[in-house]
N, C-alpha and C. Protein backbone atom coordinates (compact mmCIF):
# COMPACT_ATOMS: atom_id res chain seq x y z
N UNK A 1 71.91 204.55 -88.22
CA UNK A 1 72.73 205.05 -89.32
C UNK A 1 73.95 205.79 -88.75
N UNK A 2 75.10 205.53 -89.36
CA UNK A 2 76.33 206.16 -88.89
C UNK A 2 76.36 207.64 -89.26
N UNK A 3 76.74 208.47 -88.32
CA UNK A 3 76.85 209.90 -88.57
C UNK A 3 78.17 210.17 -89.28
N UNK A 4 78.09 210.59 -90.54
CA UNK A 4 79.28 210.83 -91.32
C UNK A 4 79.65 212.31 -91.40
N UNK A 5 79.03 213.11 -90.54
CA UNK A 5 79.37 214.53 -90.50
C UNK A 5 80.64 214.73 -89.68
N UNK A 6 81.52 215.62 -90.10
CA UNK A 6 82.73 215.91 -89.30
C UNK A 6 82.36 216.46 -87.93
N UNK A 7 83.29 216.42 -87.01
CA UNK A 7 83.06 216.97 -85.67
C UNK A 7 82.78 218.46 -85.74
N UNK A 8 82.11 218.96 -84.72
CA UNK A 8 81.74 220.38 -84.70
C UNK A 8 82.96 221.29 -84.73
N UNK A 9 84.09 220.78 -84.19
CA UNK A 9 85.30 221.60 -84.19
C UNK A 9 86.30 221.14 -85.25
N UNK A 10 85.77 220.58 -86.34
CA UNK A 10 86.62 220.13 -87.46
C UNK A 10 87.49 221.29 -87.97
N UNK A 11 88.74 220.95 -88.27
CA UNK A 11 89.63 221.94 -88.86
C UNK A 11 90.61 221.25 -89.80
N UNK A 12 91.16 222.06 -90.70
CA UNK A 12 92.07 221.52 -91.72
C UNK A 12 93.23 222.46 -91.96
N UNK A 13 94.41 221.88 -92.09
CA UNK A 13 95.60 222.63 -92.47
C UNK A 13 96.21 221.89 -93.65
N UNK A 14 96.46 222.56 -94.75
CA UNK A 14 97.01 221.84 -95.89
C UNK A 14 97.43 222.72 -97.04
N UNK A 15 98.01 222.05 -98.02
CA UNK A 15 98.42 222.69 -99.27
C UNK A 15 97.88 221.83 -100.41
N UNK A 16 98.35 222.09 -101.62
CA UNK A 16 97.93 221.28 -102.77
C UNK A 16 98.60 219.91 -102.77
N UNK A 17 99.58 219.70 -101.88
CA UNK A 17 100.29 218.43 -101.85
C UNK A 17 99.89 217.53 -100.68
N UNK A 18 99.50 218.13 -99.57
CA UNK A 18 99.13 217.33 -98.41
C UNK A 18 98.27 218.13 -97.46
N UNK A 19 97.64 217.41 -96.50
CA UNK A 19 96.78 218.09 -95.55
C UNK A 19 96.76 217.35 -94.22
N UNK A 20 96.46 218.11 -93.17
CA UNK A 20 96.27 217.60 -91.82
C UNK A 20 94.88 217.98 -91.38
N UNK A 21 94.04 216.99 -91.08
CA UNK A 21 92.65 217.24 -90.74
C UNK A 21 92.36 216.74 -89.32
N UNK A 22 91.56 217.46 -88.58
CA UNK A 22 91.16 217.10 -87.22
C UNK A 22 89.64 216.95 -87.17
N UNK A 23 89.18 215.82 -86.59
CA UNK A 23 87.74 215.61 -86.46
C UNK A 23 87.06 215.20 -87.74
N UNK A 24 87.79 214.55 -88.66
CA UNK A 24 87.22 214.11 -89.93
C UNK A 24 86.49 212.78 -89.74
N UNK A 25 85.81 212.33 -90.77
CA UNK A 25 85.10 211.05 -90.74
C UNK A 25 85.57 210.20 -91.91
N UNK A 26 85.95 208.95 -91.64
CA UNK A 26 86.41 208.05 -92.68
C UNK A 26 85.22 207.56 -93.49
N UNK A 27 85.49 206.93 -94.64
CA UNK A 27 84.41 206.46 -95.51
C UNK A 27 83.50 205.45 -94.83
N UNK A 28 84.04 204.65 -93.89
CA UNK A 28 83.20 203.66 -93.21
C UNK A 28 82.45 204.25 -92.02
N UNK A 29 82.56 205.56 -91.82
CA UNK A 29 81.85 206.22 -90.75
C UNK A 29 82.63 206.39 -89.48
N UNK A 30 83.83 205.83 -89.42
CA UNK A 30 84.66 205.96 -88.22
C UNK A 30 85.21 207.38 -88.13
N UNK A 31 85.04 208.00 -86.98
CA UNK A 31 85.59 209.34 -86.79
C UNK A 31 87.08 209.26 -86.53
N UNK A 32 87.80 210.23 -87.06
CA UNK A 32 89.24 210.28 -86.93
C UNK A 32 89.64 211.52 -86.13
N UNK A 33 90.34 211.30 -85.05
CA UNK A 33 90.82 212.42 -84.25
C UNK A 33 91.77 213.28 -85.06
N UNK A 34 92.61 212.61 -85.86
CA UNK A 34 93.53 213.35 -86.73
C UNK A 34 93.82 212.48 -87.95
N UNK A 35 94.12 213.13 -89.05
CA UNK A 35 94.44 212.44 -90.29
C UNK A 35 95.45 213.27 -91.07
N UNK A 36 96.50 212.63 -91.53
CA UNK A 36 97.47 213.29 -92.41
C UNK A 36 97.44 212.55 -93.73
N UNK A 37 97.28 213.30 -94.81
CA UNK A 37 97.00 212.65 -96.09
C UNK A 37 97.72 213.35 -97.23
N UNK A 38 98.06 212.55 -98.25
CA UNK A 38 98.65 213.07 -99.47
C UNK A 38 97.52 213.54 -100.38
N UNK A 39 97.55 214.80 -100.79
CA UNK A 39 96.51 215.33 -101.68
C UNK A 39 97.05 215.71 -103.05
N UNK A 40 98.28 215.32 -103.31
CA UNK A 40 98.88 215.62 -104.61
C UNK A 40 98.08 214.90 -105.70
N UNK A 41 97.51 215.62 -106.66
CA UNK A 41 96.70 214.96 -107.69
C UNK A 41 97.44 213.87 -108.45
N UNK A 42 98.77 213.96 -108.51
CA UNK A 42 99.53 212.97 -109.26
C UNK A 42 99.80 211.72 -108.42
N UNK A 43 99.40 211.74 -107.13
CA UNK A 43 99.61 210.60 -106.25
C UNK A 43 98.27 209.96 -105.91
N UNK A 44 98.34 208.74 -105.42
CA UNK A 44 97.11 208.04 -105.06
C UNK A 44 96.48 208.69 -103.82
N UNK A 45 95.14 208.76 -103.79
CA UNK A 45 94.45 209.40 -102.68
C UNK A 45 94.37 208.51 -101.45
N UNK A 46 94.78 207.23 -101.56
CA UNK A 46 94.71 206.33 -100.41
C UNK A 46 96.03 206.30 -99.64
N UNK A 47 96.75 207.40 -99.67
CA UNK A 47 98.02 207.51 -98.96
C UNK A 47 97.81 208.38 -97.74
N UNK A 48 97.59 207.75 -96.57
CA UNK A 48 97.27 208.55 -95.39
C UNK A 48 97.60 207.81 -94.10
N UNK A 49 97.61 208.55 -93.00
CA UNK A 49 97.72 208.01 -91.65
C UNK A 49 96.56 208.59 -90.84
N UNK A 50 95.81 207.73 -90.17
CA UNK A 50 94.65 208.20 -89.42
C UNK A 50 94.57 207.59 -88.04
N UNK A 51 93.95 208.34 -87.11
CA UNK A 51 93.79 207.91 -85.73
C UNK A 51 92.30 207.82 -85.41
N UNK A 52 91.78 206.58 -85.30
CA UNK A 52 90.37 206.38 -85.06
C UNK A 52 89.95 206.82 -83.67
N UNK A 53 88.71 207.38 -83.57
CA UNK A 53 88.25 207.88 -82.27
C UNK A 53 86.79 207.55 -82.02
N UNK A 54 86.25 206.53 -82.71
CA UNK A 54 84.85 206.15 -82.47
C UNK A 54 84.65 204.69 -82.86
N UNK A 55 83.54 204.11 -82.36
CA UNK A 55 83.17 202.76 -82.73
C UNK A 55 84.19 201.72 -82.32
N UNK A 56 84.16 200.57 -82.99
CA UNK A 56 85.08 199.48 -82.65
C UNK A 56 86.53 199.81 -82.99
N UNK A 57 86.75 200.82 -83.80
CA UNK A 57 88.11 201.22 -84.16
C UNK A 57 88.60 202.39 -83.32
N UNK A 58 87.90 202.68 -82.25
CA UNK A 58 88.35 203.74 -81.35
C UNK A 58 89.72 203.38 -80.77
N UNK A 59 90.68 204.23 -80.93
CA UNK A 59 92.04 203.95 -80.47
C UNK A 59 92.90 203.25 -81.49
N UNK A 60 92.37 203.00 -82.68
CA UNK A 60 93.14 202.32 -83.74
C UNK A 60 93.89 203.33 -84.59
N UNK A 61 94.92 202.84 -85.26
CA UNK A 61 95.73 203.68 -86.15
C UNK A 61 95.84 203.01 -87.51
N UNK A 62 95.63 203.77 -88.57
CA UNK A 62 95.79 203.28 -89.94
C UNK A 62 97.05 203.89 -90.55
N UNK A 63 97.83 203.05 -91.18
CA UNK A 63 98.94 203.51 -92.01
C UNK A 63 98.75 202.87 -93.38
N UNK A 64 98.36 203.63 -94.36
CA UNK A 64 98.07 203.11 -95.68
C UNK A 64 98.90 203.86 -96.71
N UNK A 65 99.61 203.10 -97.55
CA UNK A 65 100.38 203.73 -98.61
C UNK A 65 100.37 202.82 -99.84
N UNK A 66 100.26 203.39 -101.02
CA UNK A 66 100.23 202.59 -102.24
C UNK A 66 101.61 202.09 -102.66
N UNK A 67 102.65 202.68 -102.12
CA UNK A 67 104.00 202.29 -102.48
C UNK A 67 104.67 201.48 -101.38
N UNK A 68 105.97 201.58 -101.28
CA UNK A 68 106.74 200.84 -100.27
C UNK A 68 106.68 201.56 -98.93
N UNK A 69 106.43 200.81 -97.87
CA UNK A 69 106.40 201.35 -96.51
C UNK A 69 107.71 200.93 -95.84
N UNK A 70 108.58 201.87 -95.57
CA UNK A 70 109.90 201.56 -95.03
C UNK A 70 110.06 202.13 -93.63
N UNK A 71 110.60 201.32 -92.74
CA UNK A 71 110.98 201.75 -91.40
C UNK A 71 112.45 201.39 -91.23
N UNK A 72 113.28 202.39 -91.12
CA UNK A 72 114.72 202.17 -90.98
C UNK A 72 115.15 202.74 -89.64
N UNK A 73 115.73 201.92 -88.81
CA UNK A 73 116.11 202.35 -87.46
C UNK A 73 117.30 201.54 -86.98
N UNK A 74 117.80 201.87 -85.81
CA UNK A 74 118.81 201.04 -85.16
C UNK A 74 120.24 201.55 -85.22
N UNK A 75 120.46 202.80 -85.61
CA UNK A 75 121.83 203.30 -85.58
C UNK A 75 122.36 203.37 -84.16
N UNK A 76 121.49 203.68 -83.23
CA UNK A 76 121.89 203.73 -81.82
C UNK A 76 120.88 202.93 -80.99
N UNK A 77 121.00 201.60 -80.96
CA UNK A 77 120.06 200.76 -80.21
C UNK A 77 120.08 201.09 -78.72
N UNK A 78 118.97 200.80 -78.04
CA UNK A 78 118.86 200.97 -76.60
C UNK A 78 118.87 199.58 -75.97
N UNK A 79 119.90 199.29 -75.20
CA UNK A 79 120.07 197.96 -74.59
C UNK A 79 120.03 196.87 -75.65
N UNK A 80 120.60 197.16 -76.82
CA UNK A 80 120.67 196.18 -77.89
C UNK A 80 119.39 196.01 -78.69
N UNK A 81 118.35 196.82 -78.41
CA UNK A 81 117.06 196.68 -79.09
C UNK A 81 116.84 197.88 -80.00
N UNK A 82 116.45 197.60 -81.25
CA UNK A 82 116.25 198.66 -82.23
C UNK A 82 114.81 198.79 -82.70
N UNK A 83 114.04 197.72 -82.65
CA UNK A 83 112.67 197.77 -83.17
C UNK A 83 111.80 196.81 -82.38
N UNK A 84 110.65 197.28 -81.93
CA UNK A 84 109.75 196.46 -81.13
C UNK A 84 108.34 196.57 -81.69
N UNK A 85 107.70 195.44 -81.94
CA UNK A 85 106.29 195.38 -82.26
C UNK A 85 105.65 194.44 -81.25
N UNK A 86 104.73 194.95 -80.47
CA UNK A 86 104.19 194.18 -79.34
C UNK A 86 102.68 194.28 -79.33
N UNK A 87 102.00 193.15 -79.31
CA UNK A 87 100.54 193.12 -79.25
C UNK A 87 100.12 192.67 -77.86
N UNK A 88 99.51 193.58 -77.09
CA UNK A 88 99.13 193.27 -75.71
C UNK A 88 98.13 192.13 -75.66
N UNK A 89 97.15 192.14 -76.54
CA UNK A 89 96.15 191.08 -76.63
C UNK A 89 95.82 190.83 -78.10
N UNK A 90 95.28 189.67 -78.39
CA UNK A 90 94.85 189.37 -79.75
C UNK A 90 95.99 188.90 -80.64
N UNK A 91 95.65 188.65 -81.89
CA UNK A 91 96.59 188.09 -82.85
C UNK A 91 97.43 189.17 -83.52
N UNK A 92 98.58 188.76 -84.00
CA UNK A 92 99.41 189.60 -84.86
C UNK A 92 99.46 188.92 -86.22
N UNK A 93 99.05 189.62 -87.26
CA UNK A 93 98.93 189.02 -88.59
C UNK A 93 99.90 189.70 -89.54
N UNK A 94 100.68 188.89 -90.24
CA UNK A 94 101.59 189.37 -91.27
C UNK A 94 101.24 188.61 -92.55
N UNK A 95 100.83 189.32 -93.59
CA UNK A 95 100.40 188.64 -94.81
C UNK A 95 101.00 189.27 -96.05
N UNK A 96 101.28 188.44 -97.04
CA UNK A 96 101.75 188.89 -98.35
C UNK A 96 101.18 187.92 -99.38
N UNK A 97 99.88 188.05 -99.70
CA UNK A 97 99.22 187.06 -100.57
C UNK A 97 99.80 187.00 -101.97
N UNK A 98 100.46 188.05 -102.42
CA UNK A 98 101.02 188.06 -103.77
C UNK A 98 102.54 188.20 -103.77
N UNK A 99 103.16 187.87 -102.65
CA UNK A 99 104.61 187.99 -102.56
C UNK A 99 105.15 187.04 -101.52
N UNK A 100 106.39 187.24 -101.14
CA UNK A 100 107.05 186.41 -100.15
C UNK A 100 107.25 187.18 -98.85
N UNK A 101 107.37 186.45 -97.77
CA UNK A 101 107.78 187.03 -96.49
C UNK A 101 109.21 186.56 -96.25
N UNK A 102 110.13 187.49 -96.22
CA UNK A 102 111.55 187.16 -96.06
C UNK A 102 112.06 187.74 -94.75
N UNK A 103 112.68 186.91 -93.95
CA UNK A 103 113.25 187.31 -92.67
C UNK A 103 114.72 186.90 -92.66
N UNK A 104 115.60 187.83 -92.39
CA UNK A 104 117.02 187.48 -92.30
C UNK A 104 117.61 188.19 -91.09
N UNK A 105 118.54 187.54 -90.42
CA UNK A 105 119.18 188.09 -89.22
C UNK A 105 120.41 187.26 -88.90
N UNK A 106 121.23 187.77 -88.00
CA UNK A 106 122.40 187.03 -87.53
C UNK A 106 121.96 185.74 -86.83
N UNK A 107 120.92 185.83 -86.03
CA UNK A 107 120.30 184.67 -85.39
C UNK A 107 118.79 184.89 -85.41
N UNK A 108 118.04 183.81 -85.47
CA UNK A 108 116.58 183.86 -85.47
C UNK A 108 116.06 182.91 -84.41
N UNK A 109 115.16 183.40 -83.57
CA UNK A 109 114.54 182.58 -82.53
C UNK A 109 113.03 182.58 -82.71
N UNK A 110 112.42 181.40 -82.60
CA UNK A 110 110.97 181.26 -82.59
C UNK A 110 110.59 180.63 -81.26
N UNK A 111 109.82 181.33 -80.45
CA UNK A 111 109.45 180.84 -79.13
C UNK A 111 107.94 180.94 -78.97
N UNK A 112 107.33 179.85 -78.58
CA UNK A 112 105.89 179.82 -78.32
C UNK A 112 105.68 179.42 -76.86
N UNK A 113 105.02 180.28 -76.10
CA UNK A 113 104.77 179.99 -74.69
C UNK A 113 103.28 179.87 -74.45
N UNK A 114 102.89 178.82 -73.79
CA UNK A 114 101.48 178.61 -73.50
C UNK A 114 101.33 177.63 -72.36
N UNK A 115 100.14 177.10 -72.21
CA UNK A 115 99.88 176.19 -71.10
C UNK A 115 100.15 174.74 -71.48
N UNK A 116 100.74 174.51 -72.68
CA UNK A 116 101.09 173.18 -73.19
C UNK A 116 99.88 172.27 -73.30
N UNK A 117 98.69 172.84 -73.26
CA UNK A 117 97.47 172.05 -73.41
C UNK A 117 96.68 172.52 -74.63
N UNK A 118 96.26 173.76 -74.62
CA UNK A 118 95.53 174.31 -75.75
C UNK A 118 96.33 175.40 -76.47
N UNK A 119 97.42 175.85 -75.88
CA UNK A 119 98.28 176.85 -76.51
C UNK A 119 99.73 176.41 -76.35
N UNK A 120 100.62 177.21 -76.95
CA UNK A 120 102.04 176.88 -76.88
C UNK A 120 102.52 176.09 -78.08
N UNK A 121 101.81 176.18 -79.20
CA UNK A 121 102.13 175.40 -80.38
C UNK A 121 102.83 176.25 -81.44
N UNK A 122 103.65 175.61 -82.25
CA UNK A 122 104.20 176.20 -83.47
C UNK A 122 103.76 175.30 -84.61
N UNK A 123 103.06 175.86 -85.58
CA UNK A 123 102.49 175.07 -86.66
C UNK A 123 102.97 175.61 -87.99
N UNK A 124 103.39 174.71 -88.89
CA UNK A 124 103.84 175.08 -90.22
C UNK A 124 103.04 174.26 -91.23
N UNK A 125 102.42 174.94 -92.19
CA UNK A 125 101.66 174.27 -93.24
C UNK A 125 102.13 174.79 -94.59
N UNK A 126 102.26 173.90 -95.55
CA UNK A 126 102.66 174.29 -96.89
C UNK A 126 102.00 173.37 -97.90
N UNK A 127 101.45 173.94 -98.99
CA UNK A 127 100.91 173.08 -100.04
C UNK A 127 101.99 172.73 -101.05
N UNK A 128 103.20 173.23 -100.83
CA UNK A 128 104.37 172.83 -101.60
C UNK A 128 105.35 172.08 -100.70
N UNK A 129 106.62 172.23 -100.95
CA UNK A 129 107.62 171.54 -100.14
C UNK A 129 108.12 172.40 -98.99
N UNK A 130 108.72 171.75 -98.03
CA UNK A 130 109.40 172.41 -96.92
C UNK A 130 110.84 171.92 -96.91
N UNK A 131 111.79 172.83 -96.99
CA UNK A 131 113.21 172.47 -97.01
C UNK A 131 113.92 173.08 -95.82
N UNK A 132 114.75 172.30 -95.17
CA UNK A 132 115.57 172.76 -94.05
C UNK A 132 117.02 172.39 -94.37
N UNK A 133 117.87 173.38 -94.47
CA UNK A 133 119.29 173.15 -94.76
C UNK A 133 120.14 173.78 -93.67
N UNK A 134 121.17 173.08 -93.25
CA UNK A 134 122.06 173.58 -92.21
C UNK A 134 123.49 173.13 -92.50
N UNK A 135 124.45 174.01 -92.23
CA UNK A 135 125.86 173.64 -92.38
C UNK A 135 126.40 172.98 -91.12
N UNK A 136 125.63 173.02 -90.05
CA UNK A 136 126.03 172.38 -88.79
C UNK A 136 124.97 171.34 -88.43
N UNK A 137 124.93 170.97 -87.16
CA UNK A 137 124.00 169.94 -86.71
C UNK A 137 122.56 170.44 -86.71
N UNK A 138 121.64 169.53 -86.87
CA UNK A 138 120.21 169.77 -86.69
C UNK A 138 119.74 168.88 -85.55
N UNK A 139 119.29 169.48 -84.48
CA UNK A 139 118.86 168.73 -83.30
C UNK A 139 117.37 168.89 -83.09
N UNK A 140 116.67 167.79 -82.92
CA UNK A 140 115.23 167.80 -82.64
C UNK A 140 115.01 167.00 -81.36
N UNK A 141 114.40 167.63 -80.36
CA UNK A 141 114.16 166.97 -79.08
C UNK A 141 112.71 167.16 -78.67
N UNK A 142 112.18 166.20 -77.97
CA UNK A 142 110.80 166.27 -77.49
C UNK A 142 110.72 165.62 -76.12
N UNK A 143 109.89 166.21 -75.25
CA UNK A 143 109.68 165.63 -73.92
C UNK A 143 108.74 164.44 -73.97
N UNK A 144 108.02 164.28 -75.09
CA UNK A 144 107.11 163.13 -75.22
C UNK A 144 107.45 162.34 -76.48
N UNK A 145 106.71 162.55 -77.57
CA UNK A 145 106.88 161.73 -78.77
C UNK A 145 107.34 162.57 -79.95
N UNK A 146 108.03 161.92 -80.87
CA UNK A 146 108.37 162.48 -82.17
C UNK A 146 107.82 161.54 -83.22
N UNK A 147 106.94 162.03 -84.07
CA UNK A 147 106.32 161.20 -85.10
C UNK A 147 106.74 161.69 -86.48
N UNK A 148 107.15 160.78 -87.33
CA UNK A 148 107.49 161.08 -88.71
C UNK A 148 106.63 160.17 -89.58
N UNK A 149 105.81 160.73 -90.43
CA UNK A 149 104.90 159.93 -91.25
C UNK A 149 104.85 160.50 -92.66
N UNK A 150 104.64 159.63 -93.63
CA UNK A 150 104.51 160.03 -95.03
C UNK A 150 103.56 159.07 -95.72
N UNK A 151 102.80 159.58 -96.68
CA UNK A 151 101.87 158.73 -97.40
C UNK A 151 102.59 157.81 -98.38
N UNK A 152 103.81 158.16 -98.78
CA UNK A 152 104.52 157.33 -99.75
C UNK A 152 105.80 156.73 -99.18
N UNK A 153 106.76 157.55 -98.82
CA UNK A 153 108.06 157.01 -98.45
C UNK A 153 108.77 157.92 -97.46
N UNK A 154 109.49 157.33 -96.53
CA UNK A 154 110.37 158.05 -95.61
C UNK A 154 111.79 157.57 -95.87
N UNK A 155 112.70 158.49 -96.16
CA UNK A 155 114.08 158.14 -96.45
C UNK A 155 115.02 158.79 -95.43
N UNK A 156 115.97 158.02 -94.97
CA UNK A 156 117.05 158.53 -94.12
C UNK A 156 118.34 158.17 -94.82
N UNK A 157 119.06 159.18 -95.31
CA UNK A 157 120.25 158.95 -96.12
C UNK A 157 121.44 159.61 -95.46
N UNK A 158 122.52 158.87 -95.32
CA UNK A 158 123.74 159.41 -94.73
C UNK A 158 124.95 158.66 -95.26
N UNK A 159 126.04 159.38 -95.61
CA UNK A 159 127.27 158.69 -96.03
C UNK A 159 127.98 158.04 -94.85
N UNK A 160 127.57 158.38 -93.62
CA UNK A 160 128.16 157.79 -92.42
C UNK A 160 127.21 156.81 -91.77
N UNK A 161 127.28 156.74 -90.46
CA UNK A 161 126.46 155.80 -89.72
C UNK A 161 125.03 156.30 -89.59
N UNK A 162 124.11 155.37 -89.55
CA UNK A 162 122.71 155.63 -89.23
C UNK A 162 122.39 154.85 -87.97
N UNK A 163 122.04 155.54 -86.90
CA UNK A 163 121.81 154.91 -85.61
C UNK A 163 120.39 155.19 -85.14
N UNK A 164 119.73 154.14 -84.69
CA UNK A 164 118.41 154.26 -84.06
C UNK A 164 118.51 153.59 -82.72
N UNK A 165 118.39 154.37 -81.65
CA UNK A 165 118.59 153.83 -80.31
C UNK A 165 117.34 154.00 -79.47
N UNK A 166 117.13 153.08 -78.60
CA UNK A 166 116.00 153.14 -77.68
C UNK A 166 116.17 152.10 -76.59
N UNK A 167 115.34 152.13 -75.55
CA UNK A 167 115.48 151.17 -74.46
C UNK A 167 115.23 149.72 -74.90
N UNK A 168 114.49 149.56 -76.03
CA UNK A 168 114.18 148.21 -76.46
C UNK A 168 114.93 147.78 -77.69
N UNK A 169 115.67 148.69 -78.34
CA UNK A 169 116.37 148.32 -79.56
C UNK A 169 117.55 149.26 -79.79
N UNK A 170 118.46 148.79 -80.60
CA UNK A 170 119.64 149.58 -80.96
C UNK A 170 120.06 149.14 -82.36
N UNK A 171 119.76 149.93 -83.35
CA UNK A 171 120.15 149.64 -84.71
C UNK A 171 121.31 150.57 -85.06
N UNK A 172 122.43 150.01 -85.46
CA UNK A 172 123.60 150.84 -85.75
C UNK A 172 124.34 150.28 -86.95
N UNK A 173 124.75 151.17 -87.84
CA UNK A 173 125.52 150.78 -89.03
C UNK A 173 124.80 149.72 -89.84
N UNK A 174 123.48 149.82 -89.96
CA UNK A 174 122.73 148.81 -90.69
C UNK A 174 122.21 149.40 -91.99
N UNK A 175 122.23 148.59 -93.04
CA UNK A 175 121.65 149.02 -94.31
C UNK A 175 120.43 148.18 -94.64
N UNK A 176 119.81 147.60 -93.64
CA UNK A 176 118.63 146.78 -93.84
C UNK A 176 117.46 147.66 -94.27
N UNK A 177 116.70 147.19 -95.25
CA UNK A 177 115.56 147.93 -95.77
C UNK A 177 114.29 147.29 -95.21
N UNK A 178 113.53 148.06 -94.45
CA UNK A 178 112.27 147.56 -93.92
C UNK A 178 111.26 147.46 -95.05
N UNK A 179 110.69 146.28 -95.27
CA UNK A 179 109.69 146.12 -96.31
C UNK A 179 110.01 144.95 -97.20
N UNK A 180 109.25 144.73 -98.23
CA UNK A 180 109.46 143.58 -99.12
C UNK A 180 110.70 143.77 -99.98
N UNK A 181 111.12 142.70 -100.62
CA UNK A 181 112.30 142.74 -101.49
C UNK A 181 111.86 143.36 -102.81
N UNK A 182 112.15 144.66 -102.96
CA UNK A 182 111.74 145.36 -104.17
C UNK A 182 112.90 146.21 -104.66
N UNK A 183 112.73 146.74 -105.87
CA UNK A 183 113.73 147.65 -106.41
C UNK A 183 114.99 146.94 -106.82
N UNK A 184 116.16 147.55 -106.54
CA UNK A 184 117.44 147.03 -106.99
C UNK A 184 118.14 146.20 -105.92
N UNK A 185 117.45 145.90 -104.81
CA UNK A 185 118.08 145.13 -103.74
C UNK A 185 118.00 143.64 -104.08
N UNK A 186 119.13 142.96 -104.32
CA UNK A 186 119.08 141.53 -104.64
C UNK A 186 118.71 140.72 -103.41
N UNK A 187 118.17 139.52 -103.59
CA UNK A 187 117.78 138.70 -102.43
C UNK A 187 118.91 138.46 -101.45
N UNK A 188 120.15 138.19 -101.96
CA UNK A 188 121.26 137.95 -101.04
C UNK A 188 121.59 139.21 -100.25
N UNK A 189 121.49 140.38 -100.89
CA UNK A 189 121.74 141.63 -100.17
C UNK A 189 120.70 141.86 -99.10
N UNK A 190 119.45 141.50 -99.42
CA UNK A 190 118.38 141.66 -98.43
C UNK A 190 118.64 140.76 -97.23
N UNK A 191 119.05 139.49 -97.48
CA UNK A 191 119.31 138.57 -96.39
C UNK A 191 120.51 139.03 -95.57
N UNK A 192 121.53 139.58 -96.24
CA UNK A 192 122.70 140.05 -95.52
C UNK A 192 122.32 141.22 -94.60
N UNK A 193 121.48 142.15 -95.12
CA UNK A 193 121.01 143.25 -94.28
C UNK A 193 120.18 142.75 -93.12
N UNK A 194 119.38 141.69 -93.34
CA UNK A 194 118.57 141.14 -92.26
C UNK A 194 119.46 140.53 -91.18
N UNK A 195 120.53 139.84 -91.59
CA UNK A 195 121.46 139.27 -90.60
C UNK A 195 122.12 140.37 -89.77
N UNK A 196 122.52 141.44 -90.43
CA UNK A 196 123.16 142.54 -89.71
C UNK A 196 122.18 143.19 -88.74
N UNK A 197 120.90 143.29 -89.16
CA UNK A 197 119.90 143.86 -88.30
C UNK A 197 119.70 142.99 -87.06
N UNK A 198 119.59 141.67 -87.27
CA UNK A 198 119.41 140.78 -86.12
C UNK A 198 120.62 140.82 -85.21
N UNK A 199 121.80 140.94 -85.82
CA UNK A 199 123.01 141.00 -85.01
C UNK A 199 123.12 142.26 -84.22
N UNK A 200 122.43 143.36 -84.65
CA UNK A 200 122.50 144.61 -83.91
C UNK A 200 121.52 144.65 -82.74
N UNK A 201 120.60 143.71 -82.68
CA UNK A 201 119.65 143.68 -81.59
C UNK A 201 120.33 143.21 -80.31
N UNK A 202 119.82 143.64 -79.15
CA UNK A 202 120.39 143.18 -77.88
C UNK A 202 120.34 141.66 -77.79
N UNK A 203 121.47 141.06 -77.52
CA UNK A 203 121.55 139.60 -77.43
C UNK A 203 121.72 138.95 -78.77
N UNK A 204 121.82 139.74 -79.85
CA UNK A 204 121.93 139.16 -81.19
C UNK A 204 123.35 138.70 -81.49
C-alpha cells in the first residue's frame, strides 16, 4: 500500500489565494518535493506545479492549469535560439484531441534521423484529406523508390508540360490516357494520344 502521509519535515507557506508546500503527497501517492498551487476558492483546485520525488515519477514535473498555458520568450535570443524542448530518451507527445495543432514560422524543418532500417521514418496519417499547397516548386526525391497509389484514381494535371522520364522510357507533352476508352475521350482522340505516346518512346 502506498504511504500517503506527508514527509516528516512537511511544511507549508501560503495565503487564501495560493500556497507552497514541501514534502506533500499527490492523490496517486507520489511524493512531491515541492508543490505550488492555486487555493483561491473561485479558481479550479487543479491549478498547480509539482516536483515528483518518489516511485516511477521520481524526478518528474507536473504543470497543470485549467486555462491557457502561455510561454512567451525570445526578446533576446542566445545564438539565435529562443525556446528549446529536448527529450533525452523516450517519446515526445503533443496532443489536442478536441482542437487543432497549429505551427507557424518563417521556415519549418522536419528531420528524422535513424538507422534507415527500423528508425528514421516520417509518417503522416489522416482519416480525412491531406492538402499541400506551395507558391514555388515542390520537390520530392528518394534514394530508392517513390510509390504513388490510390484505390480509385490518380490524376496529374498541369497547364504546361507533363514529363515522365526514366532509363527505359521518356513520356513528354503527351495527353494519352492510360486505360480503356471511357468518359468524354472520343475514339479518335484516344488513338491520337496513343500515337503521340508511341512517338515519344525511344526509337518511336
